[in-house]
């Protein structure tokens, strides 16, 4: 007797965590636990967690929970834009390389692989020197690293589909390359790409936090989880909650997107299904 397939708990938990951060980011645009959270309140500086400040206050007397909510919006926005740009470019390059094939396709991929020589932090430093630090410098640095990842995965997945009988039949009926890619290849690799998108979201959030920690992300006074961690170093002994709060937020957000990726893999890959 066939057993019922177990619930996809990874996907459910991951989506729940992502929705929690998304809700916090949206809510922060109109409401935070403390009105005007960027206002300095020196008399309330370094207060430990309490009923009126659930996560305590920072060195300037600002509510840490309110700053985390605002930082969630900035981190998710940076990750979203960078993954969309890098993913779109990488998918287009991967599909083109798969369709061209042969030495031209391999040469195109080798050119894309050159981008791997520039890690996001190094790219952000170069872009920051040329354009100045800020949102778009961070987006460009993360997208630059994301593009070859999507290009590689898209090319490999597309090549496995292009040799299928239904694709060969479509070509024999006169369908050109763009039509084959749009109608036959793209739908069959959508699951693989969805998994990679969720994984790259987590990596983008982690990278954005790293850039903020080094001062290469959003400039002050815009809240940033990475900069909150950097500023908390001075007060680790007196106010450990300043580091614990953003550190836990980063870890939980990355975990949420990774769980979504694992859940999607369980859903799309028949070999991982129980039953």
C-alpha atoms as a PDB file:
ATOM      1  CA  UNK A   1       0.000   0.000   0.000  1.00  0.00           C
ATOM      2  CA  UNK A   2       1.349   3.386  -0.983  1.00  0.00           C
ATOM      3  CA  UNK A   3       2.088   5.714   1.905  1.00  0.00           C
ATOM      4  CA  UNK A   4       0.837   9.266   1.865  1.00  0.00           C
ATOM      5  CA  UNK A   5       3.581  11.742   1.159  1.00  0.00           C
ATOM      6  CA  UNK A   6       4.747  13.562   4.291  1.00  0.00           C
ATOM      7  CA  UNK A   7       4.119  17.306   4.491  1.00  0.00           C
ATOM      8  CA  UNK A   8       6.859  19.494   3.078  1.00  0.00           C
ATOM      9  CA  UNK A   9       7.749  20.982   6.454  1.00  0.00           C
ATOM     10  CA  UNK A  10      10.931  22.644   5.178  1.00  0.00           C
ATOM     11  CA  UNK A  11       8.983  24.655   2.633  1.00  0.00           C
ATOM     12  CA  UNK A  12       6.291  25.578   5.145  1.00  0.00           C
ATOM     13  CA  UNK A  13       8.725  26.725   7.810  1.00  0.00           C
ATOM     14  CA  UNK A  14      10.893  28.564   5.285  1.00  0.00           C
ATOM     15  CA  UNK A  15       7.931  30.395   3.753  1.00  0.00           C
ATOM     16  CA  UNK A  16       6.736  31.291   7.240  1.00  0.00           C
ATOM     17  CA  UNK A  17      10.100  32.821   8.158  1.00  0.00           C
ATOM     18  CA  UNK A  18      10.350  34.722   4.866  1.00  0.00           C
ATOM     19  CA  UNK A  19       6.810  36.045   5.248  1.00  0.00           C
ATOM     20  CA  UNK A  20       7.615  37.152   8.799  1.00  0.00           C
ATOM     21  CA  UNK A  21      10.526  39.271   7.612  1.00  0.00           C
ATOM     22  CA  UNK A  22       8.556  40.528   4.631  1.00  0.00           C
ATOM     23  CA  UNK A  23       5.701  41.594   6.902  1.00  0.00           C
ATOM     24  CA  UNK A  24       8.140  43.333   9.251  1.00  0.00           C
ATOM     25  CA  UNK A  25       9.725  45.172   6.316  1.00  0.00           C
ATOM     26  CA  UNK A  26       6.362  46.335   4.959  1.00  0.00           C
ATOM     27  CA  UNK A  27       5.045  47.243   8.391  1.00  0.00           C
ATOM     28  CA  UNK A  28       8.134  49.314   9.182  1.00  0.00           C
ATOM     29  CA  UNK A  29       7.303  51.738   6.368  1.00  0.00           C
ATOM     30  CA  UNK A  30       4.283  52.972   8.315  1.00  0.00           C
ATOM     31  CA  UNK A  31       4.719  51.748  11.878  1.00  0.00           C
ATOM     32  CA  UNK A  32       7.479  50.790  14.303  1.00  0.00           C
ATOM     33  CA  UNK A  33       7.284  50.055  18.044  1.00  0.00           C
ATOM     34  CA  UNK A  34       8.867  53.452  18.717  1.00  0.00           C
ATOM     35  CA  UNK A  35       7.706  56.499  16.731  1.00  0.00           C
ATOM     36  CA  UNK A  36      10.514  58.183  14.812  1.00  0.00           C
ATOM     37  CA  UNK A  37      12.970  55.323  15.482  1.00  0.00           C
ATOM     38  CA  UNK A  38      15.951  57.202  14.015  1.00  0.00           C
ATOM     39  CA  UNK A  39      15.711  59.933  16.625  1.00  0.00           C
ATOM     40  CA  UNK A  40      18.515  59.849  19.194  1.00  0.00           C
ATOM     41  CA  UNK A  41      17.509  59.507  22.850  1.00  0.00           C
ATOM     42  CA  UNK A  42      20.763  59.758  24.780  1.00  0.00           C
ATOM     43  CA  UNK A  43      19.029  59.463  28.158  1.00  0.00           C
ATOM     44  CA  UNK A  44      17.835  55.962  27.134  1.00  0.00           C
ATOM     45  CA  UNK A  45      21.109  54.694  25.650  1.00  0.00           C
ATOM     46  CA  UNK A  46      22.159  51.065  26.198  1.00  0.00           C
ATOM     47  CA  UNK A  47      19.034  50.089  28.094  1.00  0.00           C
ATOM     48  CA  UNK A  48      18.648  46.281  28.283  1.00  0.00           C
ATOM     49  CA  UNK A  49      15.557  44.559  26.874  1.00  0.00           C
ATOM     50  CA  UNK A  50      12.431  45.589  28.754  1.00  0.00           C
ATOM     51  CA  UNK A  51       8.676  45.954  28.295  1.00  0.00           C
ATOM     52  CA  UNK A  52       9.047  49.342  26.575  1.00  0.00           C
ATOM     53  CA  UNK A  53      11.998  48.165  24.423  1.00  0.00           C
ATOM     54  CA  UNK A  54      11.772  44.437  23.754  1.00  0.00           C
ATOM     55  CA  UNK A  55      15.284  44.192  22.298  1.00  0.00           C
ATOM     56  CA  UNK A  56      16.816  47.068  24.241  1.00  0.00           C
ATOM     57  CA  UNK A  57      18.278  50.307  22.918  1.00  0.00           C
ATOM     58  CA  UNK A  58      21.556  51.080  21.170  1.00  0.00           C
ATOM     59  CA  UNK A  59      24.378  53.491  21.957  1.00  0.00           C
ATOM     60  CA  UNK A  60      22.258  56.398  20.715  1.00  0.00           C
ATOM     61  CA  UNK A  61      19.132  55.408  22.594  1.00  0.00           C
ATOM     62  CA  UNK A  62      17.326  54.097  19.513  1.00  0.00           C
ATOM     63  CA  UNK A  63      14.993  51.109  19.784  1.00  0.00           C
ATOM     64  CA  UNK A  64      16.791  48.022  18.440  1.00  0.00           C
ATOM     65  CA  UNK A  65      13.595  46.252  17.360  1.00  0.00           C
ATOM     66  CA  UNK A  66      12.531  49.262  15.287  1.00  0.00           C
ATOM     67  CA  UNK A  67      15.969  49.408  13.659  1.00  0.00           C
ATOM     68  CA  UNK A  68      15.779  45.682  12.873  1.00  0.00           C
ATOM     69  CA  UNK A  69      12.425  46.160  11.167  1.00  0.00           C
ATOM     70  CA  UNK A  70      13.765  49.043   9.066  1.00  0.00           C
ATOM     71  CA  UNK A  71      16.924  47.059   8.301  1.00  0.00           C
ATOM     72  CA  UNK A  72      14.801  44.124   7.115  1.00  0.00           C
ATOM     73  CA  UNK A  73      13.302  46.332   4.419  1.00  0.00           C
ATOM     74  CA  UNK A  74      16.734  47.508   3.262  1.00  0.00           C
ATOM     75  CA  UNK A  75      18.217  43.993   3.263  1.00  0.00           C
ATOM     76  CA  UNK A  76      15.283  42.417   1.421  1.00  0.00           C
ATOM     77  CA  UNK A  77      15.186  45.249  -1.126  1.00  0.00           C
ATOM     78  CA  UNK A  78      18.904  44.903  -1.851  1.00  0.00           C
ATOM     79  CA  UNK A  79      18.616  41.119  -2.154  1.00  0.00           C
ATOM     80  CA  UNK A  80      15.511  41.312  -4.350  1.00  0.00           C
ATOM     81  CA  UNK A  81      16.909  43.810  -6.857  1.00  0.00           C
ATOM     82  CA  UNK A  82      20.350  42.180  -7.042  1.00  0.00           C
ATOM     83  CA  UNK A  83      18.967  38.655  -7.530  1.00  0.00           C
ATOM     84  CA  UNK A  84      16.464  39.863 -10.136  1.00  0.00           C
ATOM     85  CA  UNK A  85      19.166  41.644 -12.131  1.00  0.00           C
ATOM     86  CA  UNK A  86      21.826  38.968 -11.756  1.00  0.00           C
ATOM     87  CA  UNK A  87      19.325  36.164 -12.280  1.00  0.00           C
ATOM     88  CA  UNK A  88      17.837  37.696 -15.423  1.00  0.00           C
ATOM     89  CA  UNK A  89      21.260  38.276 -16.977  1.00  0.00           C
ATOM     90  CA  UNK A  90      22.527  34.852 -15.968  1.00  0.00           C
ATOM     91  CA  UNK A  91      19.454  33.022 -17.293  1.00  0.00           C
ATOM     92  CA  UNK A  92      19.667  34.834 -20.645  1.00  0.00           C
ATOM     93  CA  UNK A  93      23.374  34.047 -20.982  1.00  0.00           C
ATOM     94  CA  UNK A  94      22.855  30.422 -19.951  1.00  0.00           C
ATOM     95  CA  UNK A  95      20.030  29.887 -22.429  1.00  0.00           C
ATOM     96  CA  UNK A  96      22.028  31.512 -25.210  1.00  0.00           C
ATOM     97  CA  UNK A  97      25.108  29.406 -24.453  1.00  0.00           C
ATOM     98  CA  UNK A  98      23.026  26.223 -24.378  1.00  0.00           C
ATOM     99  CA  UNK A  99      21.327  27.028 -27.681  1.00  0.00           C
ATOM    100  CA  UNK A 100      24.539  28.029 -29.470  1.00  0.00           C
ATOM    101  CA  UNK A 101      26.493  25.066 -28.133  1.00  0.00           C
ATOM    102  CA  UNK A 102      29.944  24.017 -29.284  1.00  0.00           C
ATOM    103  CA  UNK A 103      32.976  26.216 -28.884  1.00  0.00           C
ATOM    104  CA  UNK A 104      31.062  29.528 -29.134  1.00  0.00           C
ATOM    105  CA  UNK A 105      28.804  28.512 -26.256  1.00  0.00           C
ATOM    106  CA  UNK A 106      31.778  27.321 -24.186  1.00  0.00           C
ATOM    107  CA  UNK A 107      33.650  30.547 -24.920  1.00  0.00           C
ATOM    108  CA  UNK A 108      30.649  32.577 -23.761  1.00  0.00           C
ATOM    109  CA  UNK A 109      30.596  30.655 -20.486  1.00  0.00           C
ATOM    110  CA  UNK A 110      34.332  31.139 -19.985  1.00  0.00           C
ATOM    111  CA  UNK A 111      33.794  34.889 -20.339  1.00  0.00           C
ATOM    112  CA  UNK A 112      31.052  34.742 -17.714  1.00  0.00           C
ATOM    113  CA  UNK A 113      33.270  32.696 -15.395  1.00  0.00           C
ATOM    114  CA  UNK A 114      35.709  35.605 -15.271  1.00  0.00           C
ATOM    115  CA  UNK A 115      33.186  37.337 -13.007  1.00  0.00           C
ATOM    116  CA  UNK A 116      33.911  34.684 -10.367  1.00  0.00           C
ATOM    117  CA  UNK A 117      37.357  36.231  -9.991  1.00  0.00           C
ATOM    118  CA  UNK A 118      35.732  39.255  -8.371  1.00  0.00           C
ATOM    119  CA  UNK A 119      34.079  38.366  -5.031  1.00  0.00           C
ATOM    120  CA  UNK A 120      31.187  40.622  -3.955  1.00  0.00           C
ATOM    121  CA  UNK A 121      33.255  42.441  -1.318  1.00  0.00           C
ATOM    122  CA  UNK A 122      36.056  43.222  -3.790  1.00  0.00           C
ATOM    123  CA  UNK A 123      33.504  44.302  -6.395  1.00  0.00           C
ATOM    124  CA  UNK A 124      31.806  46.560  -3.849  1.00  0.00           C
ATOM    125  CA  UNK A 125      35.117  48.154  -2.966  1.00  0.00           C
ATOM    126  CA  UNK A 126      35.869  48.899  -6.616  1.00  0.00           C
ATOM    127  CA  UNK A 127      32.360  50.155  -7.322  1.00  0.00           C
ATOM    128  CA  UNK A 128      32.370  52.174  -4.111  1.00  0.00           C
ATOM    129  CA  UNK A 129      35.592  53.865  -5.178  1.00  0.00           C
ATOM    130  CA  UNK A 130      34.118  54.645  -8.597  1.00  0.00           C
ATOM    131  CA  UNK A 131      30.478  55.377  -7.751  1.00  0.00           C
ATOM    132  CA  UNK A 132      30.453  55.854  -3.994  1.00  0.00           C
ATOM    133  CA  UNK A 133      28.977  53.465  -1.456  1.00  0.00           C
ATOM    134  CA  UNK A 134      25.229  53.035  -1.430  1.00  0.00           C
ATOM    135  CA  UNK A 135      22.304  50.897  -2.478  1.00  0.00           C
ATOM    136  CA  UNK A 136      23.174  50.567  -6.153  1.00  0.00           C
ATOM    137  CA  UNK A 137      26.839  49.822  -5.508  1.00  0.00           C
ATOM    138  CA  UNK A 138      25.814  46.955  -3.226  1.00  0.00           C
ATOM    139  CA  UNK A 139      23.239  45.752  -5.769  1.00  0.00           C
ATOM    140  CA  UNK A 140      25.774  45.845  -8.604  1.00  0.00           C
ATOM    141  CA  UNK A 141      28.369  43.950  -6.554  1.00  0.00           C
ATOM    142  CA  UNK A 142      25.950  41.186  -5.560  1.00  0.00           C
ATOM    143  CA  UNK A 143      24.405  40.970  -9.048  1.00  0.00           C
ATOM    144  CA  UNK A 144      27.871  40.696 -10.575  1.00  0.00           C
ATOM    145  CA  UNK A 145      28.534  37.584  -8.507  1.00  0.00           C
ATOM    146  CA  UNK A 146      25.012  36.179  -9.004  1.00  0.00           C
ATOM    147  CA  UNK A 147      25.069  36.307 -12.816  1.00  0.00           C
ATOM    148  CA  UNK A 148      27.577  33.487 -13.458  1.00  0.00           C
ATOM    149  CA  UNK A 149      25.854  31.242 -10.904  1.00  0.00           C
ATOM    150  CA  UNK A 150      22.569  31.437 -12.796  1.00  0.00           C
ATOM    151  CA  UNK A 151      24.358  31.200 -16.149  1.00  0.00           C
ATOM    152  CA  UNK A 152      26.030  27.919 -15.203  1.00  0.00           C
ATOM    153  CA  UNK A 153      22.910  26.318 -13.761  1.00  0.00           C
ATOM    154  CA  UNK A 154      20.701  27.491 -16.641  1.00  0.00           C
ATOM    155  CA  UNK A 155      23.109  26.213 -19.287  1.00  0.00           C
ATOM    156  CA  UNK A 156      23.430  22.790 -17.653  1.00  0.00           C
ATOM    157  CA  UNK A 157      19.673  22.413 -17.164  1.00  0.00           C
ATOM    158  CA  UNK A 158      18.846  23.703 -20.650  1.00  0.00           C
ATOM    159  CA  UNK A 159      21.326  21.368 -22.348  1.00  0.00           C
ATOM    160  CA  UNK A 160      19.702  18.374 -20.679  1.00  0.00           C
ATOM    161  CA  UNK A 161      16.319  19.456 -22.062  1.00  0.00           C
ATOM    162  CA  UNK A 162      17.517  20.344 -25.572  1.00  0.00           C
ATOM    163  CA  UNK A 163      18.402  16.710 -26.307  1.00  0.00           C
ATOM    164  CA  UNK A 164      14.927  15.410 -25.406  1.00  0.00           C
ATOM    165  CA  UNK A 165      12.756  13.881 -28.118  1.00  0.00           C
ATOM    166  CA  UNK A 166       9.984  16.480 -27.809  1.00  0.00           C
ATOM    167  CA  UNK A 167      12.506  19.266 -28.459  1.00  0.00           C
ATOM    168  CA  UNK A 168      13.904  17.450 -31.493  1.00  0.00           C
ATOM    169  CA  UNK A 169      10.350  16.959 -32.729  1.00  0.00           C
ATOM    170  CA  UNK A 170       9.630  20.668 -32.303  1.00  0.00           C
ATOM    171  CA  UNK A 171      12.728  21.553 -34.309  1.00  0.00           C
ATOM    172  CA  UNK A 172      11.728  19.124 -37.060  1.00  0.00           C
ATOM    173  CA  UNK A 173       8.411  20.964 -37.323  1.00  0.00           C
ATOM    174  CA  UNK A 174      10.254  24.201 -38.051  1.00  0.00           C
ATOM    175  CA  UNK A 175      10.335  25.867 -34.650  1.00  0.00           C
ATOM    176  CA  UNK A 176      13.324  28.152 -34.265  1.00  0.00           C
ATOM    177  CA  UNK A 177      15.672  28.518 -31.327  1.00  0.00           C
ATOM    178  CA  UNK A 178      13.813  31.338 -29.495  1.00  0.00           C
ATOM    179  CA  UNK A 179      10.489  29.493 -29.730  1.00  0.00           C
ATOM    180  CA  UNK A 180      12.037  26.248 -28.500  1.00  0.00           C
ATOM    181  CA  UNK A 181      13.663  28.005 -25.568  1.00  0.00           C
ATOM    182  CA  UNK A 182      10.477  29.863 -24.652  1.00  0.00           C
ATOM    183  CA  UNK A 183       7.924  27.072 -25.048  1.00  0.00           C
ATOM    184  CA  UNK A 184       9.886  23.911 -24.286  1.00  0.00           C
ATOM    185  CA  UNK A 185      13.070  24.659 -22.352  1.00  0.00           C
ATOM    186  CA  UNK A 186      12.013  27.449 -19.975  1.00  0.00           C
ATOM    187  CA  UNK A 187       8.986  25.605 -18.499  1.00  0.00           C
ATOM    188  CA  UNK A 188      11.073  22.493 -17.885  1.00  0.00           C
ATOM    189  CA  UNK A 189      13.876  24.264 -16.026  1.00  0.00           C
ATOM    190  CA  UNK A 190      11.650  26.638 -14.035  1.00  0.00           C
ATOM    191  CA  UNK A 191      11.784  24.389 -10.964  1.00  0.00           C
ATOM    192  CA  UNK A 192      15.591  24.308 -10.933  1.00  0.00           C
ATOM    193  CA  UNK A 193      15.730  28.078 -11.287  1.00  0.00           C
ATOM    194  CA  UNK A 194      13.165  28.616  -8.518  1.00  0.00           C
ATOM    195  CA  UNK A 195      15.335  26.582  -6.147  1.00  0.00           C
ATOM    196  CA  UNK A 196      18.406  28.611  -7.056  1.00  0.00           C
ATOM    197  CA  UNK A 197      16.552  31.916  -6.656  1.00  0.00           C
ATOM    198  CA  UNK A 198      15.677  31.091  -3.056  1.00  0.00           C
ATOM    199  CA  UNK A 199      19.250  30.024  -2.291  1.00  0.00           C
ATOM    200  CA  UNK A 200      20.684  33.160  -3.888  1.00  0.00           C
ATOM    201  CA  UNK A 201      18.301  35.312  -1.855  1.00  0.00           C
ATOM    202  CA  UNK A 202      19.861  33.933   1.313  1.00  0.00           C
ATOM    203  CA  UNK A 203      23.378  34.480  -0.019  1.00  0.00           C
ATOM    204  CA  UNK A 204      22.470  38.015  -1.102  1.00  0.00           C
ATOM    205  CA  UNK A 205      21.216  38.895   2.380  1.00  0.00           C
ATOM    206  CA  UNK A 206      24.381  37.462   3.928  1.00  0.00           C
ATOM    207  CA  UNK A 207      26.555  39.371   1.442  1.00  0.00           C
ATOM    208  CA  UNK A 208      24.658  42.615   2.017  1.00  0.00           C
ATOM    209  CA  UNK A 209      25.197  42.222   5.752  1.00  0.00           C
ATOM    210  CA  UNK A 210      28.902  41.657   5.144  1.00  0.00           C
ATOM    211  CA  UNK A 211      29.129  44.775   3.002  1.00  0.00           C
ATOM    212  CA  UNK A 212      27.307  46.775   5.657  1.00  0.00           C
ATOM    213  CA  UNK A 213      29.663  45.423   8.326  1.00  0.00           C
ATOM    214  CA  UNK A 214      32.631  46.721   6.295  1.00  0.00           C
ATOM    215  CA  UNK A 215      30.963  50.073   5.638  1.00  0.00           C
ATOM    216  CA  UNK A 216      30.411  49.325   1.936  1.00  0.00           C
ATOM    217  CA  UNK A 217      26.619  49.011   2.032  1.00  0.00           C
ATOM    218  CA  UNK A 218      23.918  51.565   2.645  1.00  0.00           C
ATOM    219  CA  UNK A 219      25.378  54.790   4.088  1.00  0.00           C
ATOM    220  CA  UNK A 220      24.245  56.073   7.499  1.00  0.00           C
ATOM    221  CA  UNK A 221      21.721  56.804   8.821  1.00  0.00           C
ATOM    222  CA  UNK A 222      19.879  54.094   6.828  1.00  0.00           C
ATOM    223  CA  UNK A 223      19.544  51.062   9.149  1.00  0.00           C
ATOM    224  CA  UNK A 224      21.572  48.037   8.110  1.00  0.00           C
ATOM    225  CA  UNK A 225      21.907  44.702   9.900  1.00  0.00           C
ATOM    226  CA  UNK A 226      25.587  44.513   8.987  1.00  0.00           C
ATOM    227  CA  UNK A 227      26.378  47.999  10.274  1.00  0.00           C
ATOM    228  CA  UNK A 228      24.434  47.284  13.469  1.00  0.00           C
ATOM    229  CA  UNK A 229      26.782  44.345  14.022  1.00  0.00           C
ATOM    230  CA  UNK A 230      29.829  46.508  13.318  1.00  0.00           C
ATOM    231  CA  UNK A 231      28.693  49.197  15.740  1.00  0.00           C
ATOM    232  CA  UNK A 232      27.915  46.591  18.412  1.00  0.00           C
ATOM    233  CA  UNK A 233      31.558  45.460  18.609  1.00  0.00           C
ATOM    234  CA  UNK A 234      32.447  48.305  20.944  1.00  0.00           C
ATOM    235  CA  UNK A 235      29.699  47.376  23.394  1.00  0.00           C
ATOM    236  CA  UNK A 236      29.870  43.567  23.430  1.00  0.00           C
ATOM    237  CA  UNK A 237      30.648  43.455  27.128  1.00  0.00           C
ATOM    238  CA  UNK A 238      28.197  46.117  28.287  1.00  0.00           C
ATOM    239  CA  UNK A 239      25.343  45.531  25.825  1.00  0.00           C
ATOM    240  CA  UNK A 240      25.535  42.093  24.150  1.00  0.00           C
ATOM    241  CA  UNK A 241      21.973  42.413  22.843  1.00  0.00           C
ATOM    242  CA  UNK A 242      23.224  44.932  20.270  1.00  0.00           C
ATOM    243  CA  UNK A 243      25.070  42.116  18.457  1.00  0.00           C
ATOM    244  CA  UNK A 244      22.706  39.267  19.253  1.00  0.00           C
ATOM    245  CA  UNK A 245      19.637  40.921  17.701  1.00  0.00           C
ATOM    246  CA  UNK A 246      21.000  41.646  14.175  1.00  0.00           C
ATOM    247  CA  UNK A 247      23.095  38.473  14.206  1.00  0.00           C
ATOM    248  CA  UNK A 248      20.050  36.343  14.937  1.00  0.00           C
ATOM    249  CA  UNK A 249      18.004  38.225  12.314  1.00  0.00           C
ATOM    250  CA  UNK A 250      20.625  37.562   9.618  1.00  0.00           C
ATOM    251  CA  UNK A 251      20.924  33.887  10.549  1.00  0.00           C
ATOM    252  CA  UNK A 252      17.156  33.394  10.659  1.00  0.00           C
ATOM    253  CA  UNK A 253      16.585  35.138   7.321  1.00  0.00           C
ATOM    254  CA  UNK A 254      19.271  33.067   5.587  1.00  0.00           C
ATOM    255  CA  UNK A 255      17.879  29.906   7.198  1.00  0.00           C
ATOM    256  CA  UNK A 256      14.381  30.778   5.961  1.00  0.00           C
ATOM    257  CA  UNK A 257      15.450  31.148   2.337  1.00  0.00           C
ATOM    258  CA  UNK A 258      17.580  27.986   2.516  1.00  0.00           C
ATOM    259  CA  UNK A 259      14.614  26.051   3.882  1.00  0.00           C
ATOM    260  CA  UNK A 260      12.504  27.364   1.011  1.00  0.00           C
ATOM    261  CA  UNK A 261      15.153  26.134  -1.419  1.00  0.00           C
ATOM    262  CA  UNK A 262      15.289  22.709   0.241  1.00  0.00           C
ATOM    263  CA  UNK A 263      11.489  22.526   0.251  1.00  0.00           C
ATOM    264  CA  UNK A 264      11.287  23.397  -3.429  1.00  0.00           C
ATOM    265  CA  UNK A 265      13.906  20.755  -4.188  1.00  0.00           C
ATOM    266  CA  UNK A 266      11.811  18.170  -2.357  1.00  0.00           C
ATOM    267  CA  UNK A 267       8.792  19.278  -4.373  1.00  0.00           C
ATOM    268  CA  UNK A 268      10.355  19.304  -7.835  1.00  0.00           C
ATOM    269  CA  UNK A 269      12.791  16.392  -7.555  1.00  0.00           C
ATOM    270  CA  UNK A 270      10.940  13.049  -7.685  1.00  0.00           C
ATOM    271  CA  UNK A 271      13.904  11.255  -6.107  1.00  0.00           C
ATOM    272  CA  UNK A 272      13.381  13.158  -2.840  1.00  0.00           C
ATOM    273  CA  UNK A 273       9.659  12.461  -2.575  1.00  0.00           C
ATOM    274  CA  UNK A 274       8.475   9.922  -0.093  1.00  0.00           C
ATOM    275  CA  UNK A 275       5.776   7.468  -0.909  1.00  0.00           C
END
